[in-house]
Amino acid sequence: SGSGSGSRSALGLEAGRPCLLRRTRLVTPGGVPVSANVVVAAAG
């Protein structure tokens, strides 16, 4: 349920590491969401 649940351990991020968080929806031309994504990356 949270921001990037499990991402810190999956990416092996050390404490305090700057990260980028992106939440998106992939939508049809009519605007209907087909998927919802949470993406986390270590910045830099």
PDB file of all heavy atoms in Angstrom:
ATOM      1  N   SER A   1       0.789  -1.213   0.000  1.00  0.00           N
ATOM      2  CA  SER A   1       0.000   0.000   0.000  1.00  0.00           C
ATOM      3  C   SER A   1       0.828   1.274   0.000  1.00  0.00           C
ATOM      4  O   SER A   1       0.346   2.323  -0.350  1.00  0.00           O
ATOM      5  CB  SER A   1      -0.924   0.016   1.216  1.00  0.00           C
ATOM      6  OG  SER A   1      -0.153  -0.028   2.402  1.00  0.00           O
ATOM      7  N   GLY A   2       2.079   1.201   0.395  1.00  0.00           N
ATOM      8  CA  GLY A   2       2.866   2.412   0.542  1.00  0.00           C
ATOM      9  C   GLY A   2       3.665   2.755  -0.694  1.00  0.00           C
ATOM     10  O   GLY A   2       3.631   2.088  -1.697  1.00  0.00           O
ATOM     11  N   SER A   3       4.384   3.852  -0.600  1.00  0.00           N
ATOM     12  CA  SER A   3       5.233   4.297  -1.690  1.00  0.00           C
ATOM     13  C   SER A   3       6.374   3.319  -1.874  1.00  0.00           C
ATOM     14  O   SER A   3       7.224   3.186  -1.008  1.00  0.00           O
ATOM     15  CB  SER A   3       5.805   5.683  -1.393  1.00  0.00           C
ATOM     16  OG  SER A   3       4.774   6.623  -1.291  1.00  0.00           O
ATOM     17  N   GLY A   4       6.368   2.612  -2.986  1.00  0.00           N
ATOM     18  CA  GLY A   4       7.467   1.723  -3.303  1.00  0.00           C
ATOM     19  C   GLY A   4       7.619   0.574  -2.346  1.00  0.00           C
ATOM     20  O   GLY A   4       8.738   0.201  -1.985  1.00  0.00           O
ATOM     21  N   SER A   5       6.538  -0.012  -1.903  1.00  0.00           N
ATOM     22  CA  SER A   5       6.570  -1.095  -0.932  1.00  0.00           C
ATOM     23  C   SER A   5       7.511  -2.214  -1.376  1.00  0.00           C
ATOM     24  O   SER A   5       7.322  -2.817  -2.403  1.00  0.00           O
ATOM     25  CB  SER A   5       5.163  -1.645  -0.711  1.00  0.00           C
ATOM     26  OG  SER A   5       5.190  -2.631   0.265  1.00  0.00           O
ATOM     27  N   GLY A   6       8.555  -2.454  -0.590  1.00  0.00           N
ATOM     28  CA  GLY A   6       9.542  -3.481  -0.907  1.00  0.00           C
ATOM     29  C   GLY A   6      10.689  -2.993  -1.768  1.00  0.00           C
ATOM     30  O   GLY A   6      11.652  -3.711  -1.985  1.00  0.00           O
ATOM     31  N   SER A   7      10.605  -1.765  -2.250  1.00  0.00           N
ATOM     32  CA  SER A   7      11.614  -1.263  -3.186  1.00  0.00           C
ATOM     33  C   SER A   7      12.981  -1.065  -2.546  1.00  0.00           C
ATOM     34  O   SER A   7      14.001  -1.334  -3.176  1.00  0.00           O
ATOM     35  CB  SER A   7      11.150   0.041  -3.826  1.00  0.00           C
ATOM     36  OG  SER A   7      10.908   1.019  -2.837  1.00  0.00           O
ATOM     37  N   ARG A   8      13.004  -0.599  -1.324  1.00  0.00           N
ATOM     38  CA  ARG A   8      14.285  -0.313  -0.657  1.00  0.00           C
ATOM     39  C   ARG A   8      15.143  -1.567  -0.584  1.00  0.00           C
ATOM     40  O   ARG A   8      16.318  -1.551  -0.954  1.00  0.00           O
ATOM     41  CB  ARG A   8      14.018   0.271   0.733  1.00  0.00           C
ATOM     42  CG  ARG A   8      15.248   0.843   1.380  1.00  0.00           C
ATOM     43  CD  ARG A   8      14.939   1.590   2.664  1.00  0.00           C
ATOM     44  NE  ARG A   8      14.213   0.756   3.601  1.00  0.00           N
ATOM     45  CZ  ARG A   8      13.169   1.172   4.326  1.00  0.00           C
ATOM     46  NH1 ARG A   8      12.727   2.402   4.231  1.00  0.00           N
ATOM     47  NH2 ARG A   8      12.580   0.351   5.166  1.00  0.00           N
ATOM     48  N   SER A   9      14.566  -2.677  -0.136  1.00  0.00           N
ATOM     49  CA  SER A   9      15.346  -3.909  -0.043  1.00  0.00           C
ATOM     50  C   SER A   9      15.605  -4.514  -1.416  1.00  0.00           C
ATOM     51  O   SER A   9      16.689  -5.035  -1.671  1.00  0.00           O
ATOM     52  CB  SER A   9      14.670  -4.914   0.885  1.00  0.00           C
ATOM     53  OG  SER A   9      13.377  -5.211   0.442  1.00  0.00           O
ATOM     54  N   ALA A  10      14.638  -4.443  -2.326  1.00  0.00           N
ATOM     55  CA  ALA A  10      14.830  -5.019  -3.667  1.00  0.00           C
ATOM     56  C   ALA A  10      15.952  -4.317  -4.430  1.00  0.00           C
ATOM     57  O   ALA A  10      16.681  -4.953  -5.191  1.00  0.00           O
ATOM     58  CB  ALA A  10      13.535  -4.941  -4.467  1.00  0.00           C
ATOM     59  N   LEU A  11      16.101  -3.023  -4.213  1.00  0.00           N
ATOM     60  CA  LEU A  11      17.153  -2.263  -4.892  1.00  0.00           C
ATOM     61  C   LEU A  11      18.450  -2.225  -4.087  1.00  0.00           C
ATOM     62  O   LEU A  11      19.468  -1.740  -4.577  1.00  0.00           O
ATOM     63  CB  LEU A  11      16.687  -0.827  -5.174  1.00  0.00           C
ATOM     64  CG  LEU A  11      15.576  -0.675  -6.199  1.00  0.00           C
ATOM     65  CD1 LEU A  11      15.095   0.769  -6.256  1.00  0.00           C
ATOM     66  CD2 LEU A  11      16.044  -1.151  -7.577  1.00  0.00           C
ATOM     67  N   GLY A  12      18.411  -2.721  -2.851  1.00  0.00           N
ATOM     68  CA  GLY A  12      19.607  -2.694  -2.010  1.00  0.00           C
ATOM     69  C   GLY A  12      20.022  -1.272  -1.654  1.00  0.00           C
ATOM     70  O   GLY A  12      21.212  -0.960  -1.588  1.00  0.00           O
ATOM     71  N   LEU A  13      19.048  -0.412  -1.395  1.00  0.00           N
ATOM     72  CA  LEU A  13      19.332   0.994  -1.119  1.00  0.00           C
ATOM     73  C   LEU A  13      19.853   1.192   0.294  1.00  0.00           C
ATOM     74  O   LEU A  13      19.240   0.733   1.256  1.00  0.00           O
ATOM     75  CB  LEU A  13      18.070   1.838  -1.315  1.00  0.00           C
ATOM     76  CG  LEU A  13      17.505   1.845  -2.726  1.00  0.00           C
ATOM     77  CD1 LEU A  13      16.173   2.598  -2.756  1.00  0.00           C
ATOM     78  CD2 LEU A  13      18.491   2.466  -3.704  1.00  0.00           C
ATOM     79  N   GLU A  14      20.966   1.876   0.417  1.00  0.00           N
ATOM     80  CA  GLU A  14      21.495   2.192   1.735  1.00  0.00           C
ATOM     81  C   GLU A  14      20.667   3.309   2.361  1.00  0.00           C
ATOM     82  O   GLU A  14      19.959   4.049   1.672  1.00  0.00           O
ATOM     83  CB  GLU A  14      22.976   2.578   1.661  1.00  0.00           C
ATOM     84  CG  GLU A  14      23.268   3.845   0.893  1.00  0.00           C
ATOM     85  CD  GLU A  14      23.510   3.644  -0.602  1.00  0.00           C
ATOM     86  OE1 GLU A  14      23.352   2.540  -1.122  1.00  0.00           O
ATOM     87  OE2 GLU A  14      23.873   4.640  -1.255  1.00  0.00           O
ATOM     88  N   ALA A  15      20.722   3.408   3.646  1.00  0.00           N
ATOM     89  CA  ALA A  15      19.940   4.391   4.390  1.00  0.00           C
ATOM     90  C   ALA A  15      20.225   5.804   3.890  1.00  0.00           C
ATOM     91  O   ALA A  15      21.383   6.187   3.711  1.00  0.00           O
ATOM     92  CB  ALA A  15      20.261   4.289   5.875  1.00  0.00           C
ATOM     93  N   GLY A  16      19.167   6.545   3.640  1.00  0.00           N
ATOM     94  CA  GLY A  16      19.298   7.939   3.234  1.00  0.00           C
ATOM     95  C   GLY A  16      19.602   8.163   1.768  1.00  0.00           C
ATOM     96  O   GLY A  16      19.749   9.313   1.342  1.00  0.00           O
ATOM     97  N   ARG A  17      19.693   7.112   0.983  1.00  0.00           N
ATOM     98  CA  ARG A  17      20.007   7.249  -0.451  1.00  0.00           C
ATOM     99  C   ARG A  17      18.906   8.054  -1.147  1.00  0.00           C
ATOM    100  O   ARG A  17      17.721   7.766  -0.987  1.00  0.00           O
ATOM    101  CB  ARG A  17      20.099   5.862  -1.082  1.00  0.00           C
ATOM    102  CG  ARG A  17      20.222   5.837  -2.573  1.00  0.00           C
ATOM    103  CD  ARG A  17      21.609   6.166  -2.993  1.00  0.00           C
ATOM    104  NE  ARG A  17      21.635   6.373  -4.436  1.00  0.00           N
ATOM    105  CZ  ARG A  17      22.719   6.608  -5.101  1.00  0.00           C
ATOM    106  NH1 ARG A  17      23.875   6.625  -4.477  1.00  0.00           N
ATOM    107  NH2 ARG A  17      22.701   6.807  -6.373  1.00  0.00           N
ATOM    108  N   PRO A  18      19.259   9.069  -1.966  1.00  0.00           N
ATOM    109  CA  PRO A  18      18.242   9.800  -2.720  1.00  0.00           C
ATOM    110  C   PRO A  18      17.598   8.875  -3.771  1.00  0.00           C
ATOM    111  O   PRO A  18      18.286   8.128  -4.462  1.00  0.00           O
ATOM    112  CB  PRO A  18      19.006  10.923  -3.408  1.00  0.00           C
ATOM    113  CG  PRO A  18      20.335  10.978  -2.750  1.00  0.00           C
ATOM    114  CD  PRO A  18      20.589   9.634  -2.150  1.00  0.00           C
ATOM    115  N   CYS A  19      16.270   8.945  -3.853  1.00  0.00           N
ATOM    116  CA  CYS A  19      15.511   8.100  -4.777  1.00  0.00           C
ATOM    117  C   CYS A  19      14.546   8.941  -5.592  1.00  0.00           C
ATOM    118  O   CYS A  19      14.180  10.047  -5.200  1.00  0.00           O
ATOM    119  CB  CYS A  19      14.693   7.072  -3.997  1.00  0.00           C
ATOM    120  SG  CYS A  19      15.677   5.948  -3.042  1.00  0.00           S
ATOM    121  N   LEU A  20      14.138   8.363  -6.700  1.00  0.00           N
ATOM    122  CA  LEU A  20      13.095   8.948  -7.530  1.00  0.00           C
ATOM    123  C   LEU A  20      11.880   8.035  -7.447  1.00  0.00           C
ATOM    124  O   LEU A  20      12.016   6.819  -7.573  1.00  0.00           O
ATOM    125  CB  LEU A  20      13.567   9.064  -8.976  1.00  0.00           C
ATOM    126  CG  LEU A  20      14.831   9.899  -9.192  1.00  0.00           C
ATOM    127  CD1 LEU A  20      15.310   9.766 -10.630  1.00  0.00           C
ATOM    128  CD2 LEU A  20      14.576  11.357  -8.835  1.00  0.00           C
ATOM    129  N   LEU A  21      10.719   8.616  -7.224  1.00  0.00           N
ATOM    130  CA  LEU A  21       9.456   7.883  -7.155  1.00  0.00           C
ATOM    131  C   LEU A  21       8.569   8.390  -8.276  1.00  0.00           C
ATOM    132  O   LEU A  21       8.473   9.594  -8.504  1.00  0.00           O
ATOM    133  CB  LEU A  21       8.774   8.126  -5.804  1.00  0.00           C
ATOM    134  CG  LEU A  21       7.348   7.601  -5.645  1.00  0.00           C
ATOM    135  CD1 LEU A  21       7.321   6.071  -5.649  1.00  0.00           C
ATOM    136  CD2 LEU A  21       6.734   8.149  -4.366  1.00  0.00           C
ATOM    137  N   ARG A  22       7.926   7.460  -8.977  1.00  0.00           N
ATOM    138  CA  ARG A  22       7.028   7.814 -10.084  1.00  0.00           C
ATOM    139  C   ARG A  22       5.782   6.939  -9.977  1.00  0.00           C
ATOM    140  O   ARG A  22       5.891   5.714  -9.908  1.00  0.00           O
ATOM    141  CB  ARG A  22       7.756   7.564 -11.410  1.00  0.00           C
ATOM    142  CG  ARG A  22       6.896   7.655 -12.651  1.00  0.00           C
ATOM    143  CD  ARG A  22       7.756   7.373 -13.877  1.00  0.00           C
ATOM    144  NE  ARG A  22       6.990   6.959 -15.016  1.00  0.00           N
ATOM    145  CZ  ARG A  22       7.088   7.477 -16.230  1.00  0.00           C
ATOM    146  NH1 ARG A  22       7.955   8.438 -16.454  1.00  0.00           N
ATOM    147  NH2 ARG A  22       6.360   7.024 -17.214  1.00  0.00           N
ATOM    148  N   ARG A  23       4.623   7.572  -9.937  1.00  0.00           N
ATOM    149  CA  ARG A  23       3.344   6.856  -9.961  1.00  0.00           C
ATOM    150  C   ARG A  23       2.648   7.226 -11.263  1.00  0.00           C
ATOM    151  O   ARG A  23       2.534   8.419 -11.576  1.00  0.00           O
ATOM    152  CB  ARG A  23       2.464   7.259  -8.781  1.00  0.00           C
ATOM    153  CG  ARG A  23       2.969   6.762  -7.462  1.00  0.00           C
ATOM    154  CD  ARG A  23       2.015   7.205  -6.351  1.00  0.00           C
ATOM    155  NE  ARG A  23       2.471   6.735  -5.080  1.00  0.00           N
ATOM    156  CZ  ARG A  23       2.185   5.544  -4.568  1.00  0.00           C
ATOM    157  NH1 ARG A  23       1.442   4.706  -5.232  1.00  0.00           N
ATOM    158  NH2 ARG A  23       2.652   5.195  -3.391  1.00  0.00           N
ATOM    159  N   THR A  24       2.189   6.213 -11.990  1.00  0.00           N
ATOM    160  CA  THR A  24       1.555   6.472 -13.270  1.00  0.00           C
ATOM    161  C   THR A  24       0.335   5.578 -13.477  1.00  0.00           C
ATOM    162  O   THR A  24       0.155   4.571 -12.782  1.00  0.00           O
ATOM    163  CB  THR A  24       2.520   6.208 -14.445  1.00  0.00           C
ATOM    164  OG1 THR A  24       2.924   4.838 -14.412  1.00  0.00           O
ATOM    165  CG2 THR A  24       3.742   7.106 -14.391  1.00  0.00           C
ATOM    166  N   ARG A  25      -0.451   5.962 -14.460  1.00  0.00           N
ATOM    167  CA  ARG A  25      -1.522   5.132 -14.997  1.00  0.00           C
ATOM    168  C   ARG A  25      -1.276   5.058 -16.497  1.00  0.00           C
ATOM    169  O   ARG A  25      -0.973   6.078 -17.120  1.00  0.00           O
ATOM    170  CB  ARG A  25      -2.909   5.744 -14.761  1.00  0.00           C
ATOM    171  CG  ARG A  25      -3.264   6.059 -13.322  1.00  0.00           C
ATOM    172  CD  ARG A  25      -3.463   4.796 -12.517  1.00  0.00           C
ATOM    173  NE  ARG A  25      -4.045   5.049 -11.212  1.00  0.00           N
ATOM    174  CZ  ARG A  25      -3.350   5.194 -10.097  1.00  0.00           C
ATOM    175  NH1 ARG A  25      -2.037   5.136 -10.115  1.00  0.00           N
ATOM    176  NH2 ARG A  25      -3.958   5.387  -8.944  1.00  0.00           N
ATOM    177  N   LEU A  26      -1.397   3.861 -17.066  1.00  0.00           N
ATOM    178  CA  LEU A  26      -1.434   3.734 -18.515  1.00  0.00           C
ATOM    179  C   LEU A  26      -2.907   3.756 -18.880  1.00  0.00           C
ATOM    180  O   LEU A  26      -3.694   2.956 -18.361  1.00  0.00           O
ATOM    181  CB  LEU A  26      -0.761   2.443 -18.983  1.00  0.00           C
ATOM    182  CG  LEU A  26       0.752   2.409 -18.830  1.00  0.00           C
ATOM    183  CD1 LEU A  26       1.309   1.072 -19.314  1.00  0.00           C
ATOM    184  CD2 LEU A  26       1.412   3.545 -19.593  1.00  0.00           C
ATOM    185  N   VAL A  27      -3.289   4.690 -19.743  1.00  0.00           N
ATOM    186  CA  VAL A  27      -4.697   4.911 -20.049  1.00  0.00           C
ATOM    187  C   VAL A  27      -4.966   4.763 -21.545  1.00  0.00           C
ATOM    188  O   VAL A  27      -4.095   5.005 -22.379  1.00  0.00           O
ATOM    189  CB  VAL A  27      -5.168   6.300 -19.556  1.00  0.00           C
ATOM    190  CG1 VAL A  27      -5.022   6.423 -18.041  1.00  0.00           C
ATOM    191  CG2 VAL A  27      -4.421   7.423 -20.250  1.00  0.00           C
ATOM    192  N   THR A  28      -6.210   4.385 -21.850  1.00  0.00           N
ATOM    193  CA  THR A  28      -6.665   4.281 -23.241  1.00  0.00           C
ATOM    194  C   THR A  28      -6.830   5.695 -23.801  1.00  0.00           C
ATOM    195  O   THR A  28      -6.815   6.675 -23.042  1.00  0.00           O
ATOM    196  CB  THR A  28      -8.019   3.552 -23.312  1.00  0.00           C
ATOM    197  OG1 THR A  28      -9.002   4.363 -22.653  1.00  0.00           O
ATOM    198  CG2 THR A  28      -7.943   2.165 -22.690  1.00  0.00           C
ATOM    199  N   PRO A  29      -7.028   5.811 -25.128  1.00  0.00           N
ATOM    200  CA  PRO A  29      -7.289   7.150 -25.697  1.00  0.00           C
ATOM    201  C   PRO A  29      -8.497   7.837 -25.048  1.00  0.00           C
ATOM    202  O   PRO A  29      -8.550   9.064 -24.981  1.00  0.00           O
ATOM    203  CB  PRO A  29      -7.529   6.863 -27.173  1.00  0.00           C
ATOM    204  CG  PRO A  29      -6.703   5.639 -27.444  1.00  0.00           C
ATOM    205  CD  PRO A  29      -6.859   4.807 -26.182  1.00  0.00           C
ATOM    206  N   GLY A  30      -9.437   7.063 -24.514  1.00  0.00           N
ATOM    207  CA  GLY A  30     -10.589   7.634 -23.818  1.00  0.00           C
ATOM    208  C   GLY A  30     -10.318   7.956 -22.364  1.00  0.00           C
ATOM    209  O   GLY A  30     -11.206   8.404 -21.643  1.00  0.00           O
ATOM    210  N   GLY A  31      -9.114   7.702 -21.876  1.00  0.00           N
ATOM    211  CA  GLY A  31      -8.732   8.027 -20.503  1.00  0.00           C
ATOM    212  C   GLY A  31      -8.999   6.955 -19.477  1.00  0.00           C
ATOM    213  O   GLY A  31      -8.840   7.192 -18.281  1.00  0.00           O
ATOM    214  N   VAL A  32      -9.382   5.748 -19.901  1.00  0.00           N
ATOM    215  CA  VAL A  32      -9.659   4.658 -18.960  1.00  0.00           C
ATOM    216  C   VAL A  32      -8.337   4.006 -18.537  1.00  0.00           C
ATOM    217  O   VAL A  32      -7.569   3.556 -19.392  1.00  0.00           O
ATOM    218  CB  VAL A  32     -10.585   3.598 -19.597  1.00  0.00           C
ATOM    219  CG1 VAL A  32     -10.807   2.436 -18.637  1.00  0.00           C
ATOM    220  CG2 VAL A  32     -11.899   4.222 -20.019  1.00  0.00           C
ATOM    221  N   PRO A  33      -8.050   3.939 -17.235  1.00  0.00           N
ATOM    222  CA  PRO A  33      -6.805   3.309 -16.778  1.00  0.00           C
ATOM    223  C   PRO A  33      -6.805   1.811 -17.052  1.00  0.00           C
ATOM    224  O   PRO A  33      -7.775   1.117 -16.759  1.00  0.00           O
ATOM    225  CB  PRO A  33      -6.803   3.571 -15.272  1.00  0.00           C
ATOM    226  CG  PRO A  33      -7.778   4.658 -15.049  1.00  0.00           C
ATOM    227  CD  PRO A  33      -8.798   4.533 -16.132  1.00  0.00           C
ATOM    228  N   VAL A  34      -5.709   1.330 -17.608  1.00  0.00           N
ATOM    229  CA  VAL A  34      -5.515  -0.095 -17.875  1.00  0.00           C
ATOM    230  C   VAL A  34      -4.558  -0.686 -16.848  1.00  0.00           C
ATOM    231  O   VAL A  34      -4.702  -1.827 -16.440  1.00  0.00           O
ATOM    232  CB  VAL A  34      -4.992  -0.303 -19.313  1.00  0.00           C
ATOM    233  CG1 VAL A  34      -4.652  -1.757 -19.584  1.00  0.00           C
ATOM    234  CG2 VAL A  34      -6.010   0.209 -20.328  1.00  0.00           C
ATOM    235  N   SER A  35      -3.583   0.111 -16.424  1.00  0.00           N
ATOM    236  CA  SER A  35      -2.665  -0.328 -15.376  1.00  0.00           C
ATOM    237  C   SER A  35      -2.268   0.868 -14.525  1.00  0.00           C
ATOM    238  O   SER A  35      -2.375   2.014 -14.957  1.00  0.00           O
ATOM    239  CB  SER A  35      -1.414  -1.005 -15.957  1.00  0.00           C
ATOM    240  OG  SER A  35      -0.565  -0.052 -16.564  1.00  0.00           O
ATOM    241  N   ALA A  36      -1.838   0.556 -13.301  1.00  0.00           N
ATOM    242  CA  ALA A  36      -1.319   1.566 -12.384  1.00  0.00           C
ATOM    243  C   ALA A  36       0.050   1.083 -11.935  1.00  0.00           C
ATOM    244  O   ALA A  36       0.222  -0.091 -11.605  1.00  0.00           O
ATOM    245  CB  ALA A  36      -2.256   1.731 -11.191  1.00  0.00           C
ATOM    246  N   ASN A  37       1.024   1.975 -11.949  1.00  0.00           N
ATOM    247  CA  ASN A  37       2.398   1.585 -11.662  1.00  0.00           C
ATOM    248  C   ASN A  37       3.029   2.465 -10.592  1.00  0.00           C
ATOM    249  O   ASN A  37       2.796   3.668 -10.562  1.00  0.00           O
ATOM    250  CB  ASN A  37       3.242   1.692 -12.938  1.00  0.00           C
ATOM    251  CG  ASN A  37       2.648   0.911 -14.081  1.00  0.00           C
ATOM    252  OD1 ASN A  37       2.271  -0.243 -13.922  1.00  0.00           O
ATOM    253  ND2 ASN A  37       2.529   1.531 -15.241  1.00  0.00           N
ATOM    254  N   VAL A  38       3.843   1.829  -9.757  1.00  0.00           N
ATOM    255  CA  VAL A  38       4.704   2.533  -8.814  1.00  0.00           C
ATOM    256  C   VAL A  38       6.123   2.140  -9.189  1.00  0.00           C
ATOM    257  O   VAL A  38       6.448   0.948  -9.268  1.00  0.00           O
ATOM    258  CB  VAL A  38       4.413   2.129  -7.350  1.00  0.00           C
ATOM    259  CG1 VAL A  38       5.398   2.800  -6.407  1.00  0.00           C
ATOM    260  CG2 VAL A  38       2.986   2.467  -6.976  1.00  0.00           C
ATOM    261  N   VAL A  39       6.951   3.142  -9.449  1.00  0.00           N
ATOM    262  CA  VAL A  39       8.317   2.902  -9.886  1.00  0.00           C
ATOM    263  C   VAL A  39       9.268   3.667  -8.973  1.00  0.00           C
ATOM    264  O   VAL A  39       9.035   4.834  -8.671  1.00  0.00           O
ATOM    265  CB  VAL A  39       8.517   3.360 -11.356  1.00  0.00           C
ATOM    266  CG1 VAL A  39       9.926   3.068 -11.835  1.00  0.00           C
ATOM    267  CG2 VAL A  39       7.482   2.720 -12.275  1.00  0.00           C
ATOM    268  N   VAL A  40      10.340   3.004  -8.549  1.00  0.00           N
ATOM    269  CA  VAL A  40      11.349   3.628  -7.698  1.00  0.00           C
ATOM    270  C   VAL A  40      12.719   3.356  -8.301  1.00  0.00           C
ATOM    271  O   VAL A  40      12.997   2.236  -8.745  1.00  0.00           O
ATOM    272  CB  VAL A  40      11.306   3.065  -6.254  1.00  0.00           C
ATOM    273  CG1 VAL A  40      12.429   3.649  -5.401  1.00  0.00           C
ATOM    274  CG2 VAL A  40       9.956   3.325  -5.610  1.00  0.00           C
ATOM    275  N   ALA A  41      13.565   4.377  -8.327  1.00  0.00           N
ATOM    276  CA  ALA A  41      14.949   4.225  -8.785  1.00  0.00           C
ATOM    277  C   ALA A  41      15.862   5.026  -7.872  1.00  0.00           C
ATOM    278  O   ALA A  41      15.470   6.079  -7.364  1.00  0.00           O
ATOM    279  CB  ALA A  41      15.099   4.718 -10.228  1.00  0.00           C
ATOM    280  N   ALA A  42      17.068   4.521  -7.670  1.00  0.00           N
ATOM    281  CA  ALA A  42      18.069   5.295  -6.931  1.00  0.00           C
ATOM    282  C   ALA A  42      18.479   6.463  -7.827  1.00  0.00           C
ATOM    283  O   ALA A  42      18.813   6.262  -8.999  1.00  0.00           O
ATOM    284  CB  ALA A  42      19.275   4.429  -6.593  1.00  0.00           C
ATOM    285  N   ALA A  43      18.417   7.662  -7.309  1.00  0.00           N
ATOM    286  CA  ALA A  43      18.766   8.849  -8.087  1.00  0.00           C
ATOM    287  C   ALA A  43      20.275   8.909  -8.318  1.00  0.00           C
ATOM    288  O   ALA A  43      21.066   8.572  -7.441  1.00  0.00           O
ATOM    289  CB  ALA A  43      18.295  10.101  -7.359  1.00  0.00           C
ATOM    290  N   GLY A  44      20.652   9.312  -9.521  1.00  0.00           N
ATOM    291  CA  GLY A  44      22.046   9.568  -9.829  1.00  0.00           C
ATOM    292  C   GLY A  44      22.898   8.376 -10.215  1.00  0.00           C
ATOM    293  O   GLY A  44      24.077   8.547 -10.497  1.00  0.00           O
TER     294      GLY A  44
END
